Amino acid sequence: MPIRRLCAALGALIALAALVGCAPGGVPDRRADADALAAQVRGLPGVVAATSDFARSQAQGMVYFRLYVDVSDHLTSDQAAAITSQYLRDLAGGTYTGYRLEMDLRRGWNLFAVDSGTLPITNADQIVAQARDWALLRHEFPGATVTMRSTITHPGGQLTAQEGGQSNLARLDLADPSDYTNVSAAMHTLSDRFPHLAGLDWSVEAGKEHPAEIKTSRRLPTTAELDVFNRLNSDQAIAHIDRLRINAPLAAPVWFSEKTIGSHDIAVALSLARTHLPIVATLPAPVLYSAGDQLSGHIGGRGFARGPVVVTVGGCTRYDPLVYLPTQAERQLTARYEICAS
């Protein structure tokens, strides 16, 4: 009997210890610190308004501090750097440990975001430099909407799940009536004046009147690739729009995708491909080419083609045989341009 009582007592102590260990001590309330930082930033040159969005509700999984800074239309690169430096200095002291953190510099739809999640930042100098570049890009492309989500690095190279797609991104949305020539010209400007930003994941889009798009990752397009992009766009005997992708996930390093306008007919896509594949083939292989009614080229999430017309010049297209098999006309194109192991 004493042994049973002892076991019961030990069990109760263990249960109590577990409860104490799981009891919500939580992160400290840093609302006053957040408001103070917003007030400091509010007084900096180039700032129109600064507000703190703060939450500390662990039960709801909402523990965050976001600093929203509305900036002047004439914000200089030095002013952007000063605002960002002030924010990063405040974070470096560890005051907001346990909070999800973000700062947004905003002017209309233009945005520079520092979304660091819940981990410490190890590349403050790079982030400040990118804030400068964001201000310079806005002046370089005054009619465009410029969005940049800064590169973020953490100790040990960690990256939280929430940060996927939230860092190392840049986007230029050009205003109407811009077209493909403006897109390629913007890429030339980036290569000439901002080569140090080539490692960002870029997206440059023309206006809605004349759609065209270039998306890159880890490098910008070469002059030869931009020349092919322009040649494909300029030939509108078959109405279409073009997208060039550099280092797209699960695809060849270079991918030209063409979407026919007003037609879902495979015969029309094949005619477009027969005309444009000789131009694409002037580039170093492998180059992926697709034509059809979708800019995605019917490429599935695992990189397999699931529809017409897909050709890998100097390479070999992988198909999902349960979804789509190429027609005889498509096989003639692949026989001419592809190199597949038997």
C-alpha atoms as a PDB file:
ATOM      1  CA  MET A   1       0.000   0.000   0.000  1.00  0.00           C
ATOM      2  CA  PRO A   2       2.729   2.579   0.814  1.00  0.00           C
ATOM      3  CA  ILE A   3       4.315   1.785  -2.537  1.00  0.00           C
ATOM      4  CA  ARG A   4       1.010   2.518  -4.282  1.00  0.00           C
ATOM      5  CA  ARG A   5       0.699   5.818  -2.433  1.00  0.00           C
ATOM      6  CA  LEU A   6       4.284   6.689  -3.303  1.00  0.00           C
ATOM      7  CA  CYS A   7       3.657   5.924  -6.976  1.00  0.00           C
ATOM      8  CA  ALA A   8       0.481   7.996  -6.891  1.00  0.00           C
ATOM      9  CA  ALA A   9       2.337  10.900  -5.293  1.00  0.00           C
ATOM     10  CA  LEU A  10       5.133  10.674  -7.864  1.00  0.00           C
ATOM     11  CA  GLY A  11       2.565  10.558 -10.646  1.00  0.00           C
ATOM     12  CA  ALA A  12       0.895  13.692  -9.308  1.00  0.00           C
ATOM     13  CA  LEU A  13       4.232  15.494  -9.103  1.00  0.00           C
ATOM     14  CA  ILE A  14       5.086  14.529 -12.679  1.00  0.00           C
ATOM     15  CA  ALA A  15       1.705  15.746 -13.905  1.00  0.00           C
ATOM     16  CA  LEU A  16       2.131  19.015 -12.018  1.00  0.00           C
ATOM     17  CA  ALA A  17       5.598  19.503 -13.456  1.00  0.00           C
ATOM     18  CA  ALA A  18       4.220  18.935 -16.938  1.00  0.00           C
ATOM     19  CA  LEU A  19       1.510  21.496 -16.364  1.00  0.00           C
ATOM     20  CA  VAL A  20       3.987  24.024 -15.038  1.00  0.00           C
ATOM     21  CA  GLY A  21       6.324  23.414 -17.968  1.00  0.00           C
ATOM     22  CA  CYS A  22       3.489  23.981 -20.444  1.00  0.00           C
ATOM     23  CA  ALA A  23       1.991  26.928 -18.624  1.00  0.00           C
ATOM     24  CA  PRO A  24       1.848  30.009 -20.835  1.00  0.00           C
ATOM     25  CA  GLY A  25       4.617  32.239 -19.606  1.00  0.00           C
ATOM     26  CA  GLY A  26       4.786  33.692 -23.117  1.00  0.00           C
ATOM     27  CA  VAL A  27       6.766  36.470 -24.665  1.00  0.00           C
ATOM     28  CA  PRO A  28       6.973  39.848 -22.918  1.00  0.00           C
ATOM     29  CA  ASP A  29       4.562  42.590 -23.908  1.00  0.00           C
ATOM     30  CA  ARG A  30       6.540  44.860 -26.235  1.00  0.00           C
ATOM     31  CA  ARG A  31       3.729  47.119 -27.393  1.00  0.00           C
ATOM     32  CA  ALA A  32       5.321  50.187 -25.787  1.00  0.00           C
ATOM     33  CA  ASP A  33       8.625  49.411 -27.544  1.00  0.00           C
ATOM     34  CA  ALA A  34       6.847  48.987 -30.868  1.00  0.00           C
ATOM     35  CA  ASP A  35       5.016  52.273 -30.484  1.00  0.00           C
ATOM     36  CA  ALA A  36       8.244  54.005 -29.492  1.00  0.00           C
ATOM     37  CA  LEU A  37      10.027  52.709 -32.589  1.00  0.00           C
ATOM     38  CA  ALA A  38       7.158  53.897 -34.790  1.00  0.00           C
ATOM     39  CA  ALA A  39       7.428  57.341 -33.176  1.00  0.00           C
ATOM     40  CA  GLN A  40      11.189  57.461 -33.821  1.00  0.00           C
ATOM     41  CA  VAL A  41      10.757  56.475 -37.468  1.00  0.00           C
ATOM     42  CA  ARG A  42       7.937  58.982 -37.851  1.00  0.00           C
ATOM     43  CA  GLY A  43      10.426  61.768 -37.222  1.00  0.00           C
ATOM     44  CA  LEU A  44      12.928  60.696 -39.892  1.00  0.00           C
ATOM     45  CA  PRO A  45      13.297  62.592 -43.195  1.00  0.00           C
ATOM     46  CA  GLY A  46      11.246  61.121 -46.031  1.00  0.00           C
ATOM     47  CA  VAL A  47       8.612  59.614 -43.730  1.00  0.00           C
ATOM     48  CA  VAL A  48       4.994  60.704 -44.177  1.00  0.00           C
ATOM     49  CA  ALA A  49       3.490  58.358 -41.552  1.00  0.00           C
ATOM     50  CA  ALA A  50       4.566  55.363 -39.452  1.00  0.00           C
ATOM     51  CA  THR A  51       2.274  52.986 -37.574  1.00  0.00           C
ATOM     52  CA  SER A  52       2.795  49.800 -35.587  1.00  0.00           C
ATOM     53  CA  ASP A  53       0.549  46.779 -36.062  1.00  0.00           C
ATOM     54  CA  PHE A  54       1.043  44.754 -32.889  1.00  0.00           C
ATOM     55  CA  ALA A  55      -0.456  41.533 -31.538  1.00  0.00           C
ATOM     56  CA  ARG A  56       0.390  39.335 -28.539  1.00  0.00           C
ATOM     57  CA  SER A  57      -2.220  36.581 -28.467  1.00  0.00           C
ATOM     58  CA  GLN A  58      -0.433  33.258 -28.104  1.00  0.00           C
ATOM     59  CA  ALA A  59      -3.683  31.342 -27.737  1.00  0.00           C
ATOM     60  CA  GLN A  60      -4.630  32.459 -31.247  1.00  0.00           C
ATOM     61  CA  GLY A  61      -1.097  32.088 -32.610  1.00  0.00           C
ATOM     62  CA  MET A  62      -0.877  35.823 -33.254  1.00  0.00           C
ATOM     63  CA  VAL A  63       2.371  37.214 -31.872  1.00  0.00           C
ATOM     64  CA  TYR A  64       3.773  39.779 -34.268  1.00  0.00           C
ATOM     65  CA  PHE A  65       4.976  43.332 -34.805  1.00  0.00           C
ATOM     66  CA  ARG A  66       4.715  44.978 -38.195  1.00  0.00           C
ATOM     67  CA  LEU A  67       5.960  48.491 -38.826  1.00  0.00           C
ATOM     68  CA  TYR A  68       4.204  50.263 -41.702  1.00  0.00           C
ATOM     69  CA  VAL A  69       6.017  53.311 -43.039  1.00  0.00           C
ATOM     70  CA  ASP A  70       4.446  55.561 -45.677  1.00  0.00           C
ATOM     71  CA  VAL A  71       7.233  57.447 -47.422  1.00  0.00           C
ATOM     72  CA  SER A  72       7.482  60.542 -49.563  1.00  0.00           C
ATOM     73  CA  ASP A  73       7.196  60.304 -53.323  1.00  0.00           C
ATOM     74  CA  HIS A  74      10.664  61.856 -53.479  1.00  0.00           C
ATOM     75  CA  LEU A  75      12.283  59.499 -50.965  1.00  0.00           C
ATOM     76  CA  THR A  76      16.041  59.402 -51.500  1.00  0.00           C
ATOM     77  CA  SER A  77      18.263  56.357 -51.237  1.00  0.00           C
ATOM     78  CA  ASP A  78      19.926  57.817 -48.124  1.00  0.00           C
ATOM     79  CA  GLN A  79      16.555  58.343 -46.473  1.00  0.00           C
ATOM     80  CA  ALA A  80      15.442  54.795 -47.281  1.00  0.00           C
ATOM     81  CA  ALA A  81      18.695  53.493 -45.815  1.00  0.00           C
ATOM     82  CA  ALA A  82      18.286  55.574 -42.642  1.00  0.00           C
ATOM     83  CA  ILE A  83      14.739  54.302 -42.016  1.00  0.00           C
ATOM     84  CA  THR A  84      15.763  50.700 -42.558  1.00  0.00           C
ATOM     85  CA  SER A  85      18.861  51.084 -40.378  1.00  0.00           C
ATOM     86  CA  GLN A  86      16.791  52.490 -37.520  1.00  0.00           C
ATOM     87  CA  TYR A  87      14.430  49.521 -37.701  1.00  0.00           C
ATOM     88  CA  LEU A  88      17.214  46.931 -37.861  1.00  0.00           C
ATOM     89  CA  ARG A  89      19.118  48.510 -34.956  1.00  0.00           C
ATOM     90  CA  ASP A  90      16.014  48.241 -32.803  1.00  0.00           C
ATOM     91  CA  LEU A  91      15.594  44.578 -33.713  1.00  0.00           C
ATOM     92  CA  ALA A  92      19.252  43.721 -33.101  1.00  0.00           C
ATOM     93  CA  GLY A  93      18.898  44.188 -29.342  1.00  0.00           C
ATOM     94  CA  GLY A  94      16.589  41.187 -29.076  1.00  0.00           C
ATOM     95  CA  THR A  95      13.676  43.210 -27.697  1.00  0.00           C
ATOM     96  CA  TYR A  96      11.169  41.445 -29.937  1.00  0.00           C
ATOM     97  CA  THR A  97      12.408  37.870 -29.507  1.00  0.00           C
ATOM     98  CA  GLY A  98       9.489  35.511 -30.069  1.00  0.00           C
ATOM     99  CA  TYR A  99       7.586  37.933 -32.310  1.00  0.00           C
ATOM    100  CA  ARG A 100       7.125  37.587 -36.057  1.00  0.00           C
ATOM    101  CA  LEU A 101       8.617  40.781 -37.487  1.00  0.00           C
ATOM    102  CA  GLU A 102       8.159  42.813 -40.645  1.00  0.00           C
ATOM    103  CA  MET A 103       8.742  46.359 -41.843  1.00  0.00           C
ATOM    104  CA  ASP A 104       7.075  47.764 -44.976  1.00  0.00           C
ATOM    105  CA  LEU A 105       8.122  50.972 -46.716  1.00  0.00           C
ATOM    106  CA  ARG A 106       5.178  52.010 -48.888  1.00  0.00           C
ATOM    107  CA  ARG A 107       4.331  54.609 -51.479  1.00  0.00           C
ATOM    108  CA  GLY A 108       1.067  53.806 -53.221  1.00  0.00           C
ATOM    109  CA  TRP A 109       1.480  50.243 -54.507  1.00  0.00           C
ATOM    110  CA  ASN A 110       5.281  50.483 -54.317  1.00  0.00           C
ATOM    111  CA  LEU A 111       6.716  48.357 -51.521  1.00  0.00           C
ATOM    112  CA  PHE A 112      10.010  47.532 -49.831  1.00  0.00           C
ATOM    113  CA  ALA A 113       9.482  44.773 -47.249  1.00  0.00           C
ATOM    114  CA  VAL A 114      11.791  43.320 -44.618  1.00  0.00           C
ATOM    115  CA  ASP A 115       9.969  40.143 -43.552  1.00  0.00           C
ATOM    116  CA  SER A 116      12.316  38.325 -41.177  1.00  0.00           C
ATOM    117  CA  GLY A 117       9.908  35.977 -39.443  1.00  0.00           C
ATOM    118  CA  THR A 118      10.869  35.021 -35.894  1.00  0.00           C
ATOM    119  CA  LEU A 119      14.621  34.460 -36.320  1.00  0.00           C
ATOM    120  CA  PRO A 120      17.528  36.929 -35.963  1.00  0.00           C
ATOM    121  CA  ILE A 121      18.855  38.676 -39.077  1.00  0.00           C
ATOM    122  CA  THR A 122      22.495  38.237 -40.095  1.00  0.00           C
ATOM    123  CA  ASN A 123      22.628  40.392 -43.271  1.00  0.00           C
ATOM    124  CA  ALA A 124      21.622  43.849 -42.052  1.00  0.00           C
ATOM    125  CA  ASP A 125      24.120  45.623 -44.341  1.00  0.00           C
ATOM    126  CA  GLN A 126      22.713  43.869 -47.407  1.00  0.00           C
ATOM    127  CA  ILE A 127      19.150  44.789 -46.432  1.00  0.00           C
ATOM    128  CA  VAL A 128      20.088  48.457 -46.000  1.00  0.00           C
ATOM    129  CA  ALA A 129      21.795  48.406 -49.410  1.00  0.00           C
ATOM    130  CA  GLN A 130      18.665  46.925 -50.965  1.00  0.00           C
ATOM    131  CA  ALA A 131      16.556  49.670 -49.385  1.00  0.00           C
ATOM    132  CA  ARG A 132      18.797  52.151 -51.202  1.00  0.00           C
ATOM    133  CA  ASP A 133      18.333  50.238 -54.446  1.00  0.00           C
ATOM    134  CA  TRP A 134      14.551  50.229 -54.031  1.00  0.00           C
ATOM    135  CA  ALA A 135      14.535  54.024 -53.827  1.00  0.00           C
ATOM    136  CA  LEU A 136      16.837  54.249 -56.853  1.00  0.00           C
ATOM    137  CA  LEU A 137      14.678  51.818 -58.844  1.00  0.00           C
ATOM    138  CA  ARG A 138      11.598  53.941 -58.180  1.00  0.00           C
ATOM    139  CA  HIS A 139      13.366  56.941 -59.709  1.00  0.00           C
ATOM    140  CA  GLU A 140      14.796  54.839 -62.558  1.00  0.00           C
ATOM    141  CA  PHE A 141      11.313  53.535 -63.466  1.00  0.00           C
ATOM    142  CA  PRO A 142       9.018  56.383 -62.406  1.00  0.00           C
ATOM    143  CA  GLY A 143       5.895  55.015 -64.128  1.00  0.00           C
ATOM    144  CA  ALA A 144       6.272  51.485 -62.797  1.00  0.00           C
ATOM    145  CA  THR A 145       5.203  49.863 -59.564  1.00  0.00           C
ATOM    146  CA  VAL A 146       8.350  48.637 -57.809  1.00  0.00           C
ATOM    147  CA  THR A 147       8.057  45.862 -55.253  1.00  0.00           C
ATOM    148  CA  MET A 148      11.043  44.403 -53.419  1.00  0.00           C
ATOM    149  CA  ARG A 149      11.102  41.873 -50.617  1.00  0.00           C
ATOM    150  CA  SER A 150      14.601  42.022 -49.212  1.00  0.00           C
ATOM    151  CA  THR A 151      16.981  39.120 -48.983  1.00  0.00           C
ATOM    152  CA  ILE A 152      16.893  37.636 -45.473  1.00  0.00           C
ATOM    153  CA  THR A 153      19.530  35.377 -43.923  1.00  0.00           C
ATOM    154  CA  HIS A 154      19.475  33.814 -40.455  1.00  0.00           C
ATOM    155  CA  PRO A 155      22.113  32.159 -38.251  1.00  0.00           C
ATOM    156  CA  GLY A 156      23.006  28.761 -39.665  1.00  0.00           C
ATOM    157  CA  GLY A 157      21.154  29.517 -42.905  1.00  0.00           C
ATOM    158  CA  GLN A 158      17.788  28.699 -41.346  1.00  0.00           C
ATOM    159  CA  LEU A 159      14.603  29.612 -43.215  1.00  0.00           C
ATOM    160  CA  THR A 160      11.223  29.278 -41.567  1.00  0.00           C
ATOM    161  CA  ALA A 161       8.288  27.809 -43.444  1.00  0.00           C
ATOM    162  CA  GLN A 162       6.460  31.132 -43.278  1.00  0.00           C
ATOM    163  CA  GLU A 163       9.247  32.862 -45.202  1.00  0.00           C
ATOM    164  CA  GLY A 164       8.858  30.817 -48.390  1.00  0.00           C
ATOM    165  CA  GLY A 165       8.167  33.329 -51.145  1.00  0.00           C
ATOM    166  CA  GLN A 166       8.532  36.273 -48.747  1.00  0.00           C
ATOM    167  CA  SER A 167      12.163  37.244 -49.350  1.00  0.00           C
ATOM    168  CA  ASN A 168      14.697  37.819 -52.153  1.00  0.00           C
ATOM    169  CA  LEU A 169      11.978  38.968 -54.572  1.00  0.00           C
ATOM    170  CA  ALA A 170      11.724  41.970 -56.877  1.00  0.00           C
ATOM    171  CA  ARG A 171       8.996  42.982 -59.301  1.00  0.00           C
ATOM    172  CA  LEU A 172       8.499  45.747 -61.863  1.00  0.00           C
ATOM    173  CA  ASP A 173       4.957  46.264 -63.127  1.00  0.00           C
ATOM    174  CA  LEU A 174       5.291  48.661 -66.031  1.00  0.00           C
ATOM    175  CA  ALA A 175       2.450  51.054 -66.729  1.00  0.00           C
ATOM    176  CA  ASP A 176       0.361  51.132 -69.914  1.00  0.00           C
ATOM    177  CA  PRO A 177       0.985  51.526 -72.783  1.00  0.00           C
ATOM    178  CA  SER A 178       4.287  49.664 -72.257  1.00  0.00           C
ATOM    179  CA  ASP A 179       4.945  46.494 -74.224  1.00  0.00           C
ATOM    180  CA  TYR A 180       7.604  43.813 -74.695  1.00  0.00           C
ATOM    181  CA  THR A 181      10.169  46.384 -75.847  1.00  0.00           C
ATOM    182  CA  ASN A 182       9.864  48.145 -72.493  1.00  0.00           C
ATOM    183  CA  VAL A 183      10.226  44.825 -70.670  1.00  0.00           C
ATOM    184  CA  SER A 184      13.458  43.946 -72.472  1.00  0.00           C
ATOM    185  CA  ALA A 185      14.715  47.524 -72.068  1.00  0.00           C
ATOM    186  CA  ALA A 186      14.066  47.300 -68.318  1.00  0.00           C
ATOM    187  CA  MET A 187      16.096  44.097 -68.188  1.00  0.00           C
ATOM    188  CA  HIS A 188      18.954  45.803 -70.025  1.00  0.00           C
ATOM    189  CA  THR A 189      18.809  48.638 -67.477  1.00  0.00           C
ATOM    190  CA  LEU A 190      18.926  46.187 -64.582  1.00  0.00           C
ATOM    191  CA  SER A 191      21.939  44.440 -66.114  1.00  0.00           C
ATOM    192  CA  ASP A 192      23.759  47.723 -66.745  1.00  0.00           C
ATOM    193  CA  ARG A 193      22.941  49.698 -63.580  1.00  0.00           C
ATOM    194  CA  PHE A 194      21.932  47.101 -60.987  1.00  0.00           C
ATOM    195  CA  PRO A 195      23.986  43.971 -61.764  1.00  0.00           C
ATOM    196  CA  HIS A 196      24.418  43.310 -58.019  1.00  0.00           C
ATOM    197  CA  LEU A 197      20.666  42.586 -57.826  1.00  0.00           C
ATOM    198  CA  ALA A 198      20.829  39.741 -60.347  1.00  0.00           C
ATOM    199  CA  GLY A 199      20.547  37.172 -57.547  1.00  0.00           C
ATOM    200  CA  LEU A 200      17.002  38.270 -56.713  1.00  0.00           C
ATOM    201  CA  ASP A 201      13.993  36.495 -58.185  1.00  0.00           C
ATOM    202  CA  TRP A 202      12.813  39.101 -60.698  1.00  0.00           C
ATOM    203  CA  SER A 203       9.519  39.588 -62.468  1.00  0.00           C
ATOM    204  CA  VAL A 204       9.116  42.343 -65.061  1.00  0.00           C
ATOM    205  CA  GLU A 205       5.738  42.743 -66.734  1.00  0.00           C
ATOM    206  CA  ALA A 206       4.438  45.027 -69.456  1.00  0.00           C
ATOM    207  CA  GLY A 207       1.154  46.913 -69.140  1.00  0.00           C
ATOM    208  CA  LYS A 208      -2.181  45.159 -69.559  1.00  0.00           C
ATOM    209  CA  GLU A 209      -2.719  46.585 -73.038  1.00  0.00           C
ATOM    210  CA  HIS A 210       0.237  44.649 -74.479  1.00  0.00           C
ATOM    211  CA  PRO A 211       1.141  41.813 -72.063  1.00  0.00           C
ATOM    212  CA  ALA A 212       4.658  40.368 -71.974  1.00  0.00           C
ATOM    213  CA  GLU A 213       6.715  39.055 -69.075  1.00  0.00           C
ATOM    214  CA  ILE A 214      10.211  38.049 -68.057  1.00  0.00           C
ATOM    215  CA  LYS A 215      10.821  36.125 -64.818  1.00  0.00           C
ATOM    216  CA  THR A 216      14.311  35.271 -63.595  1.00  0.00           C
ATOM    217  CA  SER A 217      16.030  33.538 -60.712  1.00  0.00           C
ATOM    218  CA  ARG A 218      19.717  33.838 -59.768  1.00  0.00           C
ATOM    219  CA  ARG A 219      20.675  35.633 -63.000  1.00  0.00           C
ATOM    220  CA  LEU A 220      19.369  38.140 -65.535  1.00  0.00           C
ATOM    221  CA  PRO A 221      18.827  37.339 -69.241  1.00  0.00           C
ATOM    222  CA  THR A 222      21.680  37.566 -71.700  1.00  0.00           C
ATOM    223  CA  THR A 223      21.608  39.931 -74.675  1.00  0.00           C
ATOM    224  CA  ALA A 224      21.016  36.962 -76.993  1.00  0.00           C
ATOM    225  CA  GLU A 225      18.066  35.744 -74.914  1.00  0.00           C
ATOM    226  CA  LEU A 226      16.500  39.215 -74.926  1.00  0.00           C
ATOM    227  CA  ASP A 227      16.993  39.397 -78.699  1.00  0.00           C
ATOM    228  CA  VAL A 228      15.065  36.136 -79.145  1.00  0.00           C
ATOM    229  CA  PHE A 229      12.358  37.406 -76.759  1.00  0.00           C
ATOM    230  CA  ASN A 230      11.961  40.529 -78.906  1.00  0.00           C
ATOM    231  CA  ARG A 231      11.868  38.573 -82.165  1.00  0.00           C
ATOM    232  CA  LEU A 232       9.179  36.210 -80.917  1.00  0.00           C
ATOM    233  CA  ASN A 233       7.069  39.109 -79.659  1.00  0.00           C
ATOM    234  CA  SER A 234       7.415  41.189 -82.808  1.00  0.00           C
ATOM    235  CA  ASP A 235       6.032  38.415 -85.046  1.00  0.00           C
ATOM    236  CA  GLN A 236       2.283  38.638 -84.470  1.00  0.00           C
ATOM    237  CA  ALA A 237       1.147  36.859 -87.656  1.00  0.00           C
ATOM    238  CA  ILE A 238      -0.458  34.516 -85.105  1.00  0.00           C
ATOM    239  CA  ALA A 239      -1.640  36.639 -82.195  1.00  0.00           C
ATOM    240  CA  HIS A 240       0.092  35.590 -78.980  1.00  0.00           C
ATOM    241  CA  ILE A 241       1.866  36.798 -75.857  1.00  0.00           C
ATOM    242  CA  ASP A 242       5.283  35.717 -74.592  1.00  0.00           C
ATOM    243  CA  ARG A 243       6.928  34.927 -71.287  1.00  0.00           C
ATOM    244  CA  LEU A 244      10.624  34.244 -70.805  1.00  0.00           C
ATOM    245  CA  ARG A 245      11.671  32.400 -67.662  1.00  0.00           C
ATOM    246  CA  ILE A 246      15.254  31.980 -66.476  1.00  0.00           C
ATOM    247  CA  ASN A 247      15.940  29.121 -64.034  1.00  0.00           C
ATOM    248  CA  ALA A 248      12.302  28.235 -63.507  1.00  0.00           C
ATOM    249  CA  PRO A 249      11.794  25.413 -60.979  1.00  0.00           C
ATOM    250  CA  LEU A 250      11.583  21.960 -62.574  1.00  0.00           C
ATOM    251  CA  ALA A 251      12.216  23.270 -66.085  1.00  0.00           C
ATOM    252  CA  ALA A 252      15.124  23.881 -68.436  1.00  0.00           C
ATOM    253  CA  PRO A 253      17.367  26.848 -67.520  1.00  0.00           C
ATOM    254  CA  VAL A 254      15.712  28.924 -70.276  1.00  0.00           C
ATOM    255  CA  TRP A 255      12.015  28.671 -71.130  1.00  0.00           C
ATOM    256  CA  PHE A 256      10.070  30.577 -73.785  1.00  0.00           C
ATOM    257  CA  SER A 257       6.338  30.188 -73.298  1.00  0.00           C
ATOM    258  CA  GLU A 258       3.833  31.463 -75.864  1.00  0.00           C
ATOM    259  CA  LYS A 259       0.089  31.785 -75.332  1.00  0.00           C
ATOM    260  CA  THR A 260      -2.160  32.073 -78.341  1.00  0.00           C
ATOM    261  CA  ILE A 261      -4.800  34.793 -78.140  1.00  0.00           C
ATOM    262  CA  GLY A 262      -8.371  33.865 -78.957  1.00  0.00           C
ATOM    263  CA  SER A 263      -7.602  30.278 -79.927  1.00  0.00           C
ATOM    264  CA  HIS A 264      -7.398  26.939 -78.125  1.00  0.00           C
ATOM    265  CA  ASP A 265      -6.656  25.075 -81.356  1.00  0.00           C
ATOM    266  CA  ILE A 266      -3.570  22.831 -81.168  1.00  0.00           C
ATOM    267  CA  ALA A 267      -3.070  23.327 -84.919  1.00  0.00           C
ATOM    268  CA  VAL A 268      -2.614  27.074 -84.339  1.00  0.00           C
ATOM    269  CA  ALA A 269      -0.089  26.424 -81.544  1.00  0.00           C
ATOM    270  CA  LEU A 270       1.794  24.010 -83.803  1.00  0.00           C
ATOM    271  CA  SER A 271       1.946  26.612 -86.563  1.00  0.00           C
ATOM    272  CA  LEU A 272       3.337  29.146 -84.097  1.00  0.00           C
ATOM    273  CA  ALA A 273       5.907  26.611 -82.897  1.00  0.00           C
ATOM    274  CA  ARG A 274       7.070  25.759 -86.422  1.00  0.00           C
ATOM    275  CA  THR A 275       7.734  29.442 -87.074  1.00  0.00           C
ATOM    276  CA  HIS A 276       9.423  30.284 -83.779  1.00  0.00           C
ATOM    277  CA  LEU A 277      11.400  27.159 -82.873  1.00  0.00           C
ATOM    278  CA  PRO A 278      14.165  27.956 -85.438  1.00  0.00           C
ATOM    279  CA  ILE A 279      14.648  31.299 -83.642  1.00  0.00           C
ATOM    280  CA  VAL A 280      14.712  29.676 -80.204  1.00  0.00           C
ATOM    281  CA  ALA A 281      17.190  27.088 -81.469  1.00  0.00           C
ATOM    282  CA  THR A 282      19.818  29.792 -82.031  1.00  0.00           C
ATOM    283  CA  LEU A 283      20.426  29.857 -78.247  1.00  0.00           C
ATOM    284  CA  PRO A 284      22.685  27.424 -76.373  1.00  0.00           C
ATOM    285  CA  ALA A 285      20.820  24.244 -75.470  1.00  0.00           C
ATOM    286  CA  PRO A 286      18.820  23.160 -73.630  1.00  0.00           C
ATOM    287  CA  VAL A 287      15.953  25.599 -74.125  1.00  0.00           C
ATOM    288  CA  LEU A 288      12.356  24.743 -73.306  1.00  0.00           C
ATOM    289  CA  TYR A 289       9.657  26.021 -75.665  1.00  0.00           C
ATOM    290  CA  SER A 290       5.908  25.747 -75.261  1.00  0.00           C
ATOM    291  CA  ALA A 291       2.964  27.064 -77.232  1.00  0.00           C
ATOM    292  CA  GLY A 292      -0.733  26.784 -76.495  1.00  0.00           C
ATOM    293  CA  ASP A 293      -3.587  28.384 -74.624  1.00  0.00           C
ATOM    294  CA  GLN A 294      -1.676  28.637 -71.305  1.00  0.00           C
ATOM    295  CA  LEU A 295       1.577  30.401 -70.394  1.00  0.00           C
ATOM    296  CA  SER A 296       2.207  27.524 -67.992  1.00  0.00           C
ATOM    297  CA  GLY A 297       2.732  25.342 -71.059  1.00  0.00           C
ATOM    298  CA  HIS A 298       0.745  22.604 -69.325  1.00  0.00           C
ATOM    299  CA  ILE A 299       3.900  21.796 -67.336  1.00  0.00           C
ATOM    300  CA  GLY A 300       2.946  19.969 -64.128  1.00  0.00           C
ATOM    301  CA  GLY A 301       4.321  20.476 -60.657  1.00  0.00           C
ATOM    302  CA  ARG A 302       6.913  17.722 -61.126  1.00  0.00           C
ATOM    303  CA  GLY A 303       8.175  19.138 -64.422  1.00  0.00           C
ATOM    304  CA  PHE A 304       6.297  16.711 -66.688  1.00  0.00           C
ATOM    305  CA  ALA A 305       4.452  17.977 -69.777  1.00  0.00           C
ATOM    306  CA  ARG A 306       0.724  17.346 -69.467  1.00  0.00           C
ATOM    307  CA  GLY A 307      -0.461  18.909 -72.718  1.00  0.00           C
ATOM    308  CA  PRO A 308       0.563  20.293 -76.131  1.00  0.00           C
ATOM    309  CA  VAL A 309       2.914  21.797 -77.538  1.00  0.00           C
ATOM    310  CA  VAL A 310       6.164  21.322 -75.572  1.00  0.00           C
ATOM    311  CA  VAL A 311       9.628  20.978 -77.106  1.00  0.00           C
ATOM    312  CA  THR A 312      13.012  20.961 -75.331  1.00  0.00           C
ATOM    313  CA  VAL A 313      15.550  22.145 -77.886  1.00  0.00           C
ATOM    314  CA  GLY A 314      18.770  20.184 -77.391  1.00  0.00           C
ATOM    315  CA  GLY A 315      17.203  18.224 -74.534  1.00  0.00           C
ATOM    316  CA  CYS A 316      14.360  15.804 -73.924  1.00  0.00           C
ATOM    317  CA  THR A 317      10.809  16.597 -72.812  1.00  0.00           C
ATOM    318  CA  ARG A 318       9.344  14.377 -70.104  1.00  0.00           C
ATOM    319  CA  TYR A 319       5.633  13.629 -70.501  1.00  0.00           C
ATOM    320  CA  ASP A 320       3.084  12.366 -68.021  1.00  0.00           C
ATOM    321  CA  PRO A 321       1.728   9.442 -70.106  1.00  0.00           C
ATOM    322  CA  LEU A 322      -1.364   9.094 -67.926  1.00  0.00           C
ATOM    323  CA  VAL A 323      -2.428  12.633 -68.836  1.00  0.00           C
ATOM    324  CA  TYR A 324      -1.121  13.401 -72.326  1.00  0.00           C
ATOM    325  CA  LEU A 325       0.817  11.852 -75.191  1.00  0.00           C
ATOM    326  CA  PRO A 326       2.114  14.006 -78.068  1.00  0.00           C
ATOM    327  CA  THR A 327       0.465  13.774 -81.463  1.00  0.00           C
ATOM    328  CA  GLN A 328       2.261  12.722 -84.622  1.00  0.00           C
ATOM    329  CA  ALA A 329       2.737  16.374 -85.592  1.00  0.00           C
ATOM    330  CA  GLU A 330       4.296  17.113 -82.200  1.00  0.00           C
ATOM    331  CA  ARG A 331       6.564  14.076 -82.453  1.00  0.00           C
ATOM    332  CA  GLN A 332       7.876  15.422 -85.745  1.00  0.00           C
ATOM    333  CA  LEU A 333       8.937  18.613 -83.962  1.00  0.00           C
ATOM    334  CA  THR A 334      10.578  16.743 -81.100  1.00  0.00           C
ATOM    335  CA  ALA A 335      12.414  14.492 -83.573  1.00  0.00           C
ATOM    336  CA  ARG A 336      13.840  17.583 -85.232  1.00  0.00           C
ATOM    337  CA  TYR A 337      14.832  19.588 -82.151  1.00  0.00           C
ATOM    338  CA  GLU A 338      15.222  17.205 -79.209  1.00  0.00           C
ATOM    339  CA  ILE A 339      18.006  14.857 -78.178  1.00  0.00           C
ATOM    340  CA  CYS A 340      16.576  11.950 -76.210  1.00  0.00           C
ATOM    341  CA  ALA A 341      18.438   8.860 -75.053  1.00  0.00           C
ATOM    342  CA  SER A 342      16.971   5.686 -76.497  1.00  0.00           C
END
